[in-house]
Amino acid sequence: MAHAQIPGNAPDANAGKRRAAVCFACHSVDGVAKIPGVPNLAGQQRAYLENALLAYREGKSRRNVTMNAMAAPLSDRDIANIAAYFSLQVGSRSGDTGNWAM
């Protein structure tokens, strides 16, 4: 699956932060999850995050009731922006790598 394509414009991490506000409840504003079992998003590669969100939006290859519902209303631009935002965050605190699988 290819990552989200945004014609003519690079992803906007600031717009991604605004659109990702609902994500912060589980993944935290810095992308380092504080809830056990919730994956950290900080520092992940942008293309990986885009592909994961696209797959959750599609709902076939990645099935998770919460994530499928959260990704369903996202546009390709939203997905690219959110991925850009989380990919720019610092990966971990105190050397704790947390839960990296998404």
PDB file of N, CA and C in Angstrom:
ATOM      1  N   MET A   1       0.851  -1.174   0.000  1.00  0.00           N
ATOM      2  CA  MET A   1       0.000   0.000   0.000  1.00  0.00           C
ATOM      3  C   MET A   1       0.895   1.235   0.000  1.00  0.00           C
ATOM      4  N   ALA A   2       0.648   2.143  -0.881  1.00  0.00           N
ATOM      5  CA  ALA A   2       1.443   3.371  -0.967  1.00  0.00           C
ATOM      6  C   ALA A   2       0.954   4.388   0.043  1.00  0.00           C
ATOM      7  N   HIS A   3       1.874   5.262   0.455  1.00  0.00           N
ATOM      8  CA  HIS A   3       1.466   6.277   1.420  1.00  0.00           C
ATOM      9  C   HIS A   3       0.613   7.330   0.739  1.00  0.00           C
ATOM     10  N   ALA A   4      -0.079   8.134   1.563  1.00  0.00           N
ATOM     11  CA  ALA A   4      -1.009   9.146   1.059  1.00  0.00           C
ATOM     12  C   ALA A   4      -0.287  10.119   0.130  1.00  0.00           C
ATOM     13  N   GLN A   5      -0.894  10.409  -0.975  1.00  0.00           N
ATOM     14  CA  GLN A   5      -0.321  11.327  -1.952  1.00  0.00           C
ATOM     15  C   GLN A   5      -0.990  12.691  -1.824  1.00  0.00           C
ATOM     16  N   ILE A   6      -0.198  13.727  -1.655  1.00  0.00           N
ATOM     17  CA  ILE A   6      -0.716  15.081  -1.574  1.00  0.00           C
ATOM     18  C   ILE A   6      -0.180  15.844  -2.760  1.00  0.00           C
ATOM     19  N   PRO A   7      -1.022  16.088  -3.759  1.00  0.00           N
ATOM     20  CA  PRO A   7      -0.540  16.761  -4.957  1.00  0.00           C
ATOM     21  C   PRO A   7      -0.019  18.161  -4.663  1.00  0.00           C
ATOM     22  N   GLY A   8       1.236  18.410  -5.049  1.00  0.00           N
ATOM     23  CA  GLY A   8       1.796  19.745  -4.991  1.00  0.00           C
ATOM     24  C   GLY A   8       2.148  20.309  -3.635  1.00  0.00           C
ATOM     25  N   ASN A   9       1.761  19.690  -2.561  1.00  0.00           N
ATOM     26  CA  ASN A   9       2.034  20.245  -1.228  1.00  0.00           C
ATOM     27  C   ASN A   9       2.670  19.204  -0.325  1.00  0.00           C
ATOM     28  N   ALA A  10       3.680  19.635   0.394  1.00  0.00           N
ATOM     29  CA  ALA A  10       4.293  18.768   1.398  1.00  0.00           C
ATOM     30  C   ALA A  10       3.362  18.693   2.603  1.00  0.00           C
ATOM     31  N   PRO A  11       3.429  17.617   3.377  1.00  0.00           N
ATOM     32  CA  PRO A  11       2.611  17.516   4.578  1.00  0.00           C
ATOM     33  C   PRO A  11       2.895  18.675   5.533  1.00  0.00           C
ATOM     34  N   ASP A  12       1.899  19.071   6.283  1.00  0.00           N
ATOM     35  CA  ASP A  12       1.965  20.176   7.225  1.00  0.00           C
ATOM     36  C   ASP A  12       1.864  19.619   8.652  1.00  0.00           C
ATOM     37  N   ALA A  13       3.003  19.533   9.337  1.00  0.00           N
ATOM     38  CA  ALA A  13       3.039  18.958  10.684  1.00  0.00           C
ATOM     39  C   ALA A  13       2.193  19.768  11.671  1.00  0.00           C
ATOM     40  N   ASN A  14       2.134  21.093  11.510  1.00  0.00           N
ATOM     41  CA  ASN A  14       1.307  21.903  12.415  1.00  0.00           C
ATOM     42  C   ASN A  14      -0.167  21.592  12.232  1.00  0.00           C
ATOM     43  N   ALA A  15      -0.610  21.436  10.992  1.00  0.00           N
ATOM     44  CA  ALA A  15      -1.989  21.033  10.730  1.00  0.00           C
ATOM     45  C   ALA A  15      -2.223  19.628  11.263  1.00  0.00           C
ATOM     46  N   GLY A  16      -1.201  18.777  11.149  1.00  0.00           N
ATOM     47  CA  GLY A  16      -1.300  17.415  11.677  1.00  0.00           C
ATOM     48  C   GLY A  16      -1.499  17.404  13.182  1.00  0.00           C
ATOM     49  N   LYS A  17      -0.789  18.281  13.878  1.00  0.00           N
ATOM     50  CA  LYS A  17      -0.949  18.365  15.334  1.00  0.00           C
ATOM     51  C   LYS A  17      -2.374  18.771  15.686  1.00  0.00           C
ATOM     52  N   ARG A  18      -2.912  19.732  14.964  1.00  0.00           N
ATOM     53  CA  ARG A  18      -4.289  20.166  15.233  1.00  0.00           C
ATOM     54  C   ARG A  18      -5.277  19.038  14.963  1.00  0.00           C
ATOM     55  N   ARG A  19      -5.099  18.339  13.849  1.00  0.00           N
ATOM     56  CA  ARG A  19      -6.031  17.263  13.469  1.00  0.00           C
ATOM     57  C   ARG A  19      -5.873  16.047  14.375  1.00  0.00           C
ATOM     58  N   ALA A  20      -4.693  15.869  14.941  1.00  0.00           N
ATOM     59  CA  ALA A  20      -4.411  14.711  15.794  1.00  0.00           C
ATOM     60  C   ALA A  20      -4.845  14.916  17.241  1.00  0.00           C
ATOM     61  N   ALA A  21      -5.477  16.020  17.549  1.00  0.00           N
ATOM     62  CA  ALA A  21      -5.859  16.304  18.946  1.00  0.00           C
ATOM     63  C   ALA A  21      -6.632  15.147  19.579  1.00  0.00           C
ATOM     64  N   VAL A  22      -7.484  14.481  18.820  1.00  0.00           N
ATOM     65  CA  VAL A  22      -8.249  13.360  19.373  1.00  0.00           C
ATOM     66  C   VAL A  22      -7.349  12.149  19.631  1.00  0.00           C
ATOM     67  N   CYS A  23      -6.210  12.089  18.963  1.00  0.00           N
ATOM     68  CA  CYS A  23      -5.269  10.978  19.144  1.00  0.00           C
ATOM     69  C   CYS A  23      -4.540  11.075  20.486  1.00  0.00           C
ATOM     70  N   PHE A  24      -4.451  12.293  21.006  1.00  0.00           N
ATOM     71  CA  PHE A  24      -3.634  12.544  22.185  1.00  0.00           C
ATOM     72  C   PHE A  24      -4.153  11.829  23.428  1.00  0.00           C
ATOM     73  N   ALA A  25      -5.430  11.518  23.476  1.00  0.00           N
ATOM     74  CA  ALA A  25      -5.992  10.836  24.642  1.00  0.00           C
ATOM     75  C   ALA A  25      -5.297   9.489  24.877  1.00  0.00           C
ATOM     76  N   CYS A  26      -4.954   8.816  23.817  1.00  0.00           N
ATOM     77  CA  CYS A  26      -4.294   7.508  23.940  1.00  0.00           C
ATOM     78  C   CYS A  26      -2.801   7.556  23.634  1.00  0.00           C
ATOM     79  N   HIS A  27      -2.420   8.323  22.603  1.00  0.00           N
ATOM     80  CA  HIS A  27      -1.035   8.335  22.139  1.00  0.00           C
ATOM     81  C   HIS A  27      -0.218   9.480  22.706  1.00  0.00           C
ATOM     82  N   SER A  28      -0.849  10.410  23.416  1.00  0.00           N
ATOM     83  CA  SER A  28      -0.202  11.562  24.044  1.00  0.00           C
ATOM     84  C   SER A  28       0.217  12.594  23.006  1.00  0.00           C
ATOM     85  N   VAL A  29       0.283  13.840  23.433  1.00  0.00           N
ATOM     86  CA  VAL A  29       0.627  14.937  22.527  1.00  0.00           C
ATOM     87  C   VAL A  29       2.028  14.767  21.948  1.00  0.00           C
ATOM     88  N   ASP A  30       2.918  14.139  22.697  1.00  0.00           N
ATOM     89  CA  ASP A  30       4.283  13.940  22.201  1.00  0.00           C
ATOM     90  C   ASP A  30       4.458  12.601  21.486  1.00  0.00           C
ATOM     91  N   GLY A  31       3.367  11.829  21.388  1.00  0.00           N
ATOM     92  CA  GLY A  31       3.431  10.553  20.679  1.00  0.00           C
ATOM     93  C   GLY A  31       3.999   9.411  21.480  1.00  0.00           C
ATOM     94  N   VAL A  32       4.304   9.645  22.758  1.00  0.00           N
ATOM     95  CA  VAL A  32       4.808   8.584  23.633  1.00  0.00           C
ATOM     96  C   VAL A  32       3.655   8.179  24.540  1.00  0.00           C
ATOM     97  N   ALA A  33       3.047   7.045  24.233  1.00  0.00           N
ATOM     98  CA  ALA A  33       1.853   6.587  24.937  1.00  0.00           C
ATOM     99  C   ALA A  33       2.139   6.306  26.412  1.00  0.00           C
ATOM    100  N   LYS A  34       1.182   6.677  27.236  1.00  0.00           N
ATOM    101  CA  LYS A  34       1.293   6.431  28.669  1.00  0.00           C
ATOM    102  C   LYS A  34       0.397   5.275  29.105  1.00  0.00           C
ATOM    103  N   ILE A  35      -0.403   4.772  28.203  1.00  0.00           N
ATOM    104  CA  ILE A  35      -1.316   3.664  28.480  1.00  0.00           C
ATOM    105  C   ILE A  35      -0.661   2.373  28.010  1.00  0.00           C
ATOM    106  N   PRO A  36      -0.539   1.375  28.889  1.00  0.00           N
ATOM    107  CA  PRO A  36       0.060   0.100  28.480  1.00  0.00           C
ATOM    108  C   PRO A  36      -0.679  -0.499  27.277  1.00  0.00           C
ATOM    109  N   GLY A  37       0.084  -0.991  26.318  1.00  0.00           N
ATOM    110  CA  GLY A  37      -0.482  -1.620  25.135  1.00  0.00           C
ATOM    111  C   GLY A  37      -0.789  -0.669  23.999  1.00  0.00           C
ATOM    112  N   VAL A  38      -0.735   0.628  24.244  1.00  0.00           N
ATOM    113  CA  VAL A  38      -0.972   1.617  23.188  1.00  0.00           C
ATOM    114  C   VAL A  38       0.380   1.952  22.564  1.00  0.00           C
ATOM    115  N   PRO A  39       0.493   1.857  21.244  1.00  0.00           N
ATOM    116  CA  PRO A  39       1.792   2.074  20.610  1.00  0.00           C
ATOM    117  C   PRO A  39       2.257   3.525  20.648  1.00  0.00           C
ATOM    118  N   ASN A  40       3.557   3.679  20.772  1.00  0.00           N
ATOM    119  CA  ASN A  40       4.179   4.989  20.637  1.00  0.00           C
ATOM    120  C   ASN A  40       4.229   5.333  19.152  1.00  0.00           C
ATOM    121  N   LEU A  41       3.936   6.584  18.844  1.00  0.00           N
ATOM    122  CA  LEU A  41       3.980   7.046  17.459  1.00  0.00           C
ATOM    123  C   LEU A  41       5.162   7.958  17.204  1.00  0.00           C
ATOM    124  N   ALA A  42       5.704   8.533  18.247  1.00  0.00           N
ATOM    125  CA  ALA A  42       6.813   9.492  18.119  1.00  0.00           C
ATOM    126  C   ALA A  42       8.017   8.852  17.445  1.00  0.00           C
ATOM    127  N   GLY A  43       8.537   9.556  16.458  1.00  0.00           N
ATOM    128  CA  GLY A  43       9.758   9.112  15.802  1.00  0.00           C
ATOM    129  C   GLY A  43       9.585   8.001  14.786  1.00  0.00           C
ATOM    130  N   GLN A  44       8.373   7.510  14.595  1.00  0.00           N
ATOM    131  CA  GLN A  44       8.144   6.495  13.561  1.00  0.00           C
ATOM    132  C   GLN A  44       8.331   7.152  12.194  1.00  0.00           C
ATOM    133  N   GLN A  45       8.667   6.374  11.207  1.00  0.00           N
ATOM    134  CA  GLN A  45       8.810   6.911   9.855  1.00  0.00           C
ATOM    135  C   GLN A  45       7.450   7.373   9.344  1.00  0.00           C
ATOM    136  N   ARG A  46       7.456   8.518   8.688  1.00  0.00           N
ATOM    137  CA  ARG A  46       6.204   9.106   8.200  1.00  0.00           C
ATOM    138  C   ARG A  46       5.445   8.152   7.282  1.00  0.00           C
ATOM    139  N   ALA A  47       6.130   7.512   6.346  1.00  0.00           N
ATOM    140  CA  ALA A  47       5.466   6.601   5.410  1.00  0.00           C
ATOM    141  C   ALA A  47       4.812   5.437   6.152  1.00  0.00           C
ATOM    142  N   TYR A  48       5.481   4.932   7.188  1.00  0.00           N
ATOM    143  CA  TYR A  48       4.903   3.837   7.975  1.00  0.00           C
ATOM    144  C   TYR A  48       3.606   4.282   8.644  1.00  0.00           C
ATOM    145  N   LEU A  49       3.626   5.474   9.260  1.00  0.00           N
ATOM    146  CA  LEU A  49       2.427   5.986   9.923  1.00  0.00           C
ATOM    147  C   LEU A  49       1.305   6.233   8.917  1.00  0.00           C
ATOM    148  N   GLU A  50       1.646   6.778   7.760  1.00  0.00           N
ATOM    149  CA  GLU A  50       0.638   7.002   6.719  1.00  0.00           C
ATOM    150  C   GLU A  50       0.010   5.682   6.291  1.00  0.00           C
ATOM    151  N   ASN A  51       0.841   4.698   6.022  1.00  0.00           N
ATOM    152  CA  ASN A  51       0.329   3.398   5.589  1.00  0.00           C
ATOM    153  C   ASN A  51      -0.552   2.759   6.647  1.00  0.00           C
ATOM    154  N   ALA A  52      -0.154   2.881   7.908  1.00  0.00           N
ATOM    155  CA  ALA A  52      -0.959   2.311   8.991  1.00  0.00           C
ATOM    156  C   ALA A  52      -2.321   3.001   9.070  1.00  0.00           C
ATOM    157  N   LEU A  53      -2.329   4.331   9.007  1.00  0.00           N
ATOM    158  CA  LEU A  53      -3.609   5.054   9.073  1.00  0.00           C
ATOM    159  C   LEU A  53      -4.485   4.759   7.857  1.00  0.00           C
ATOM    160  N   LEU A  54      -3.882   4.653   6.684  1.00  0.00           N
ATOM    161  CA  LEU A  54      -4.648   4.288   5.494  1.00  0.00           C
ATOM    162  C   LEU A  54      -5.267   2.902   5.658  1.00  0.00           C
ATOM    163  N   ALA A  55      -4.502   1.966   6.202  1.00  0.00           N
ATOM    164  CA  ALA A  55      -5.009   0.609   6.418  1.00  0.00           C
ATOM    165  C   ALA A  55      -6.120   0.589   7.463  1.00  0.00           C
ATOM    166  N   TYR A  56      -5.983   1.384   8.521  1.00  0.00           N
ATOM    167  CA  TYR A  56      -7.065   1.475   9.502  1.00  0.00           C
ATOM    168  C   TYR A  56      -8.304   2.099   8.875  1.00  0.00           C
ATOM    169  N   ARG A  57      -8.111   3.114   8.052  1.00  0.00           N
ATOM    170  CA  ARG A  57      -9.250   3.756   7.395  1.00  0.00           C
ATOM    171  C   ARG A  57      -9.963   2.763   6.479  1.00  0.00           C
ATOM    172  N   GLU A  58      -9.178   1.962   5.753  1.00  0.00           N
ATOM    173  CA  GLU A  58      -9.743   0.953   4.861  1.00  0.00           C
ATOM    174  C   GLU A  58     -10.485  -0.116   5.661  1.00  0.00           C
ATOM    175  N   GLY A  59      -9.921  -0.514   6.799  1.00  0.00           N
ATOM    176  CA  GLY A  59     -10.572  -1.455   7.701  1.00  0.00           C
ATOM    177  C   GLY A  59     -10.499  -2.912   7.311  1.00  0.00           C
ATOM    178  N   LYS A  60      -9.678  -3.261   6.339  1.00  0.00           N
ATOM    179  CA  LYS A  60      -9.578  -4.660   5.925  1.00  0.00           C
ATOM    180  C   LYS A  60      -8.315  -5.325   6.455  1.00  0.00           C
ATOM    181  N   SER A  61      -7.160  -4.710   6.206  1.00  0.00           N
ATOM    182  CA  SER A  61      -5.902  -5.337   6.621  1.00  0.00           C
ATOM    183  C   SER A  61      -5.536  -5.007   8.068  1.00  0.00           C
ATOM    184  N   ARG A  62      -6.068  -3.915   8.593  1.00  0.00           N
ATOM    185  CA  ARG A  62      -5.848  -3.555  10.003  1.00  0.00           C
ATOM    186  C   ARG A  62      -7.207  -3.346  10.636  1.00  0.00           C
ATOM    187  N   ARG A  63      -7.539  -4.257  11.538  1.00  0.00           N
ATOM    188  CA  ARG A  63      -8.851  -4.186  12.188  1.00  0.00           C
ATOM    189  C   ARG A  63      -8.683  -3.933  13.673  1.00  0.00           C
ATOM    190  N   ASN A  64      -9.155  -2.788  14.080  1.00  0.00           N
ATOM    191  CA  ASN A  64      -9.185  -2.407  15.486  1.00  0.00           C
ATOM    192  C   ASN A  64     -10.362  -1.445  15.590  1.00  0.00           C
ATOM    193  N   VAL A  65     -11.344  -1.801  16.400  1.00  0.00           N
ATOM    194  CA  VAL A  65     -12.582  -1.027  16.459  1.00  0.00           C
ATOM    195  C   VAL A  65     -12.308   0.455  16.684  1.00  0.00           C
ATOM    196  N   THR A  66     -11.445   0.769  17.631  1.00  0.00           N
ATOM    197  CA  THR A  66     -11.152   2.168  17.948  1.00  0.00           C
ATOM    198  C   THR A  66     -10.429   2.851  16.794  1.00  0.00           C
ATOM    199  N   MET A  67      -9.356   2.234  16.317  1.00  0.00           N
ATOM    200  CA  MET A  67      -8.559   2.872  15.267  1.00  0.00           C
ATOM    201  C   MET A  67      -9.318   2.950  13.944  1.00  0.00           C
ATOM    202  N   ASN A  68     -10.118   1.940  13.612  1.00  0.00           N
ATOM    203  CA  ASN A  68     -10.900   2.009  12.385  1.00  0.00           C
ATOM    204  C   ASN A  68     -11.883   3.179  12.448  1.00  0.00           C
ATOM    205  N   ALA A  69     -12.505   3.380  13.599  1.00  0.00           N
ATOM    206  CA  ALA A  69     -13.439   4.499  13.761  1.00  0.00           C
ATOM    207  C   ALA A  69     -12.714   5.839  13.730  1.00  0.00           C
ATOM    208  N   MET A  70     -11.532   5.909  14.329  1.00  0.00           N
ATOM    209  CA  MET A  70     -10.781   7.167  14.353  1.00  0.00           C
ATOM    210  C   MET A  70     -10.263   7.530  12.966  1.00  0.00           C
ATOM    211  N   ALA A  71      -9.855   6.544  12.179  1.00  0.00           N
ATOM    212  CA  ALA A  71      -9.275   6.798  10.867  1.00  0.00           C
ATOM    213  C   ALA A  71     -10.331   7.002   9.781  1.00  0.00           C
ATOM    214  N   ALA A  72     -11.531   6.502   9.975  1.00  0.00           N
ATOM    215  CA  ALA A  72     -12.572   6.555   8.940  1.00  0.00           C
ATOM    216  C   ALA A  72     -12.809   7.955   8.369  1.00  0.00           C
ATOM    217  N   PRO A  73     -12.895   9.004   9.193  1.00  0.00           N
ATOM    218  CA  PRO A  73     -13.181  10.330   8.617  1.00  0.00           C
ATOM    219  C   PRO A  73     -11.950  11.080   8.093  1.00  0.00           C
ATOM    220  N   LEU A  74     -10.764  10.505   8.203  1.00  0.00           N
ATOM    221  CA  LEU A  74      -9.550  11.214   7.801  1.00  0.00           C
ATOM    222  C   LEU A  74      -9.381  11.240   6.292  1.00  0.00           C
ATOM    223  N   SER A  75      -9.061  12.410   5.761  1.00  0.00           N
ATOM    224  CA  SER A  75      -8.727  12.534   4.342  1.00  0.00           C
ATOM    225  C   SER A  75      -7.270  12.107   4.150  1.00  0.00           C
ATOM    226  N   ASP A  76      -6.869  11.937   2.904  1.00  0.00           N
ATOM    227  CA  ASP A  76      -5.466  11.630   2.622  1.00  0.00           C
ATOM    228  C   ASP A  76      -4.562  12.731   3.177  1.00  0.00           C
ATOM    229  N   ARG A  77      -4.976  13.986   3.027  1.00  0.00           N
ATOM    230  CA  ARG A  77      -4.194  15.110   3.545  1.00  0.00           C
ATOM    231  C   ARG A  77      -4.086  15.033   5.069  1.00  0.00           C
ATOM    232  N   ASP A  78      -5.202  14.744   5.753  1.00  0.00           N
ATOM    233  CA  ASP A  78      -5.167  14.590   7.212  1.00  0.00           C
ATOM    234  C   ASP A  78      -4.153  13.532   7.612  1.00  0.00           C
ATOM    235  N   ILE A  79      -4.205  12.402   6.938  1.00  0.00           N
ATOM    236  CA  ILE A  79      -3.309  11.284   7.251  1.00  0.00           C
ATOM    237  C   ILE A  79      -1.851  11.695   7.052  1.00  0.00           C
ATOM    238  N   ALA A  80      -1.544  12.329   5.950  1.00  0.00           N
ATOM    239  CA  ALA A  80      -0.163  12.761   5.690  1.00  0.00           C
ATOM    240  C   ALA A  80       0.292  13.777   6.734  1.00  0.00           C
ATOM    241  N   ASN A  81      -0.580  14.709   7.098  1.00  0.00           N
ATOM    242  CA  ASN A  81      -0.226  15.726   8.082  1.00  0.00           C
ATOM    243  C   ASN A  81      -0.023  15.128   9.475  1.00  0.00           C
ATOM    244  N   ILE A  82      -0.918  14.239   9.881  1.00  0.00           N
ATOM    245  CA  ILE A  82      -0.789  13.583  11.194  1.00  0.00           C
ATOM    246  C   ILE A  82       0.498  12.767  11.245  1.00  0.00           C
ATOM    247  N   ALA A  83       0.773  12.018  10.180  1.00  0.00           N
ATOM    248  CA  ALA A  83       2.003  11.221  10.121  1.00  0.00           C
ATOM    249  C   ALA A  83       3.230  12.114  10.190  1.00  0.00           C
ATOM    250  N   ALA A  84       3.192  13.240   9.507  1.00  0.00           N
ATOM    251  CA  ALA A  84       4.319  14.178   9.552  1.00  0.00           C
ATOM    252  C   ALA A  84       4.527  14.677  10.975  1.00  0.00           C
ATOM    253  N   TYR A  85       3.457  15.024  11.652  1.00  0.00           N
ATOM    254  CA  TYR A  85       3.566  15.526  13.022  1.00  0.00           C
ATOM    255  C   TYR A  85       4.208  14.486  13.947  1.00  0.00           C
ATOM    256  N   PHE A  86       3.648  13.282  13.990  1.00  0.00           N
ATOM    257  CA  PHE A  86       4.177  12.275  14.915  1.00  0.00           C
ATOM    258  C   PHE A  86       5.584  11.827  14.536  1.00  0.00           C
ATOM    259  N   SER A  87       5.915  11.824  13.251  1.00  0.00           N
ATOM    260  CA  SER A  87       7.265  11.406  12.847  1.00  0.00           C
ATOM    261  C   SER A  87       8.337  12.389  13.318  1.00  0.00           C
ATOM    262  N   LEU A  88       7.956  13.620  13.581  1.00  0.00           N
ATOM    263  CA  LEU A  88       8.912  14.638  14.028  1.00  0.00           C
ATOM    264  C   LEU A  88       9.075  14.699  15.543  1.00  0.00           C
ATOM    265  N   GLN A  89       8.269  13.945  16.274  1.00  0.00           N
ATOM    266  CA  GLN A  89       8.358  13.966  17.727  1.00  0.00           C
ATOM    267  C   GLN A  89       9.524  13.096  18.207  1.00  0.00           C
ATOM    268  N   VAL A  90      10.038  13.384  19.382  1.00  0.00           N
ATOM    269  CA  VAL A  90      11.143  12.623  19.961  1.00  0.00           C
ATOM    270  C   VAL A  90      10.623  11.250  20.375  1.00  0.00           C
ATOM    271  N   GLY A  91      11.388  10.207  20.019  1.00  0.00           N
ATOM    272  CA  GLY A  91      10.938   8.841  20.201  1.00  0.00           C
ATOM    273  C   GLY A  91      10.594   8.356  21.580  1.00  0.00           C
ATOM    274  N   SER A  92      11.413   8.593  22.569  1.00  0.00           N
ATOM    275  CA  SER A  92      11.128   8.028  23.886  1.00  0.00           C
ATOM    276  C   SER A  92      11.708   8.901  24.971  1.00  0.00           C
ATOM    277  N   ARG A  93      11.276   8.633  26.176  1.00  0.00           N
ATOM    278  CA  ARG A  93      11.799   9.328  27.349  1.00  0.00           C
ATOM    279  C   ARG A  93      12.550   8.329  28.217  1.00  0.00           C
ATOM    280  N   SER A  94      13.605   8.752  28.824  1.00  0.00           N
ATOM    281  CA  SER A  94      14.368   7.945  29.784  1.00  0.00           C
ATOM    282  C   SER A  94      14.803   6.605  29.217  1.00  0.00           C
ATOM    283  N   GLY A  95      15.032   6.548  27.911  1.00  0.00           N
ATOM    284  CA  GLY A  95      15.502   5.306  27.304  1.00  0.00           C
ATOM    285  C   GLY A  95      14.447   4.235  27.168  1.00  0.00           C
ATOM    286  N   ASP A  96      13.203   4.496  27.572  1.00  0.00           N
ATOM    287  CA  ASP A  96      12.125   3.525  27.474  1.00  0.00           C
ATOM    288  C   ASP A  96      11.576   3.558  26.055  1.00  0.00           C
ATOM    289  N   THR A  97      11.687   2.450  25.333  1.00  0.00           N
ATOM    290  CA  THR A  97      11.220   2.425  23.959  1.00  0.00           C
ATOM    291  C   THR A  97       9.718   2.189  23.874  1.00  0.00           C
ATOM    292  N   GLY A  98       9.089   1.750  24.947  1.00  0.00           N
ATOM    293  CA  GLY A  98       7.633   1.596  24.967  1.00  0.00           C
ATOM    294  C   GLY A  98       7.143   0.587  23.958  1.00  0.00           C
ATOM    295  N   ASN A  99       5.955   0.807  23.473  1.00  0.00           N
ATOM    296  CA  ASN A  99       5.284  -0.094  22.536  1.00  0.00           C
ATOM    297  C   ASN A  99       5.387   0.489  21.133  1.00  0.00           C
ATOM    298  N   TRP A 100       6.261  -0.057  20.294  1.00  0.00           N
ATOM    299  CA  TRP A 100       6.473   0.542  18.981  1.00  0.00           C
ATOM    300  C   TRP A 100       5.603  -0.037  17.890  1.00  0.00           C
ATOM    301  N   ALA A 101       5.083  -1.226  18.057  1.00  0.00           N
ATOM    302  CA  ALA A 101       4.257  -1.798  16.987  1.00  0.00           C
ATOM    303  C   ALA A 101       2.932  -1.074  16.881  1.00  0.00           C
ATOM    304  N   MET A 102       2.484  -0.850  15.655  1.00  0.00           N
ATOM    305  CA  MET A 102       1.190  -0.194  15.469  1.00  0.00           C
ATOM    306  C   MET A 102       0.328  -1.021  14.559  1.00  0.00           C
TER     307      MET A 102
END
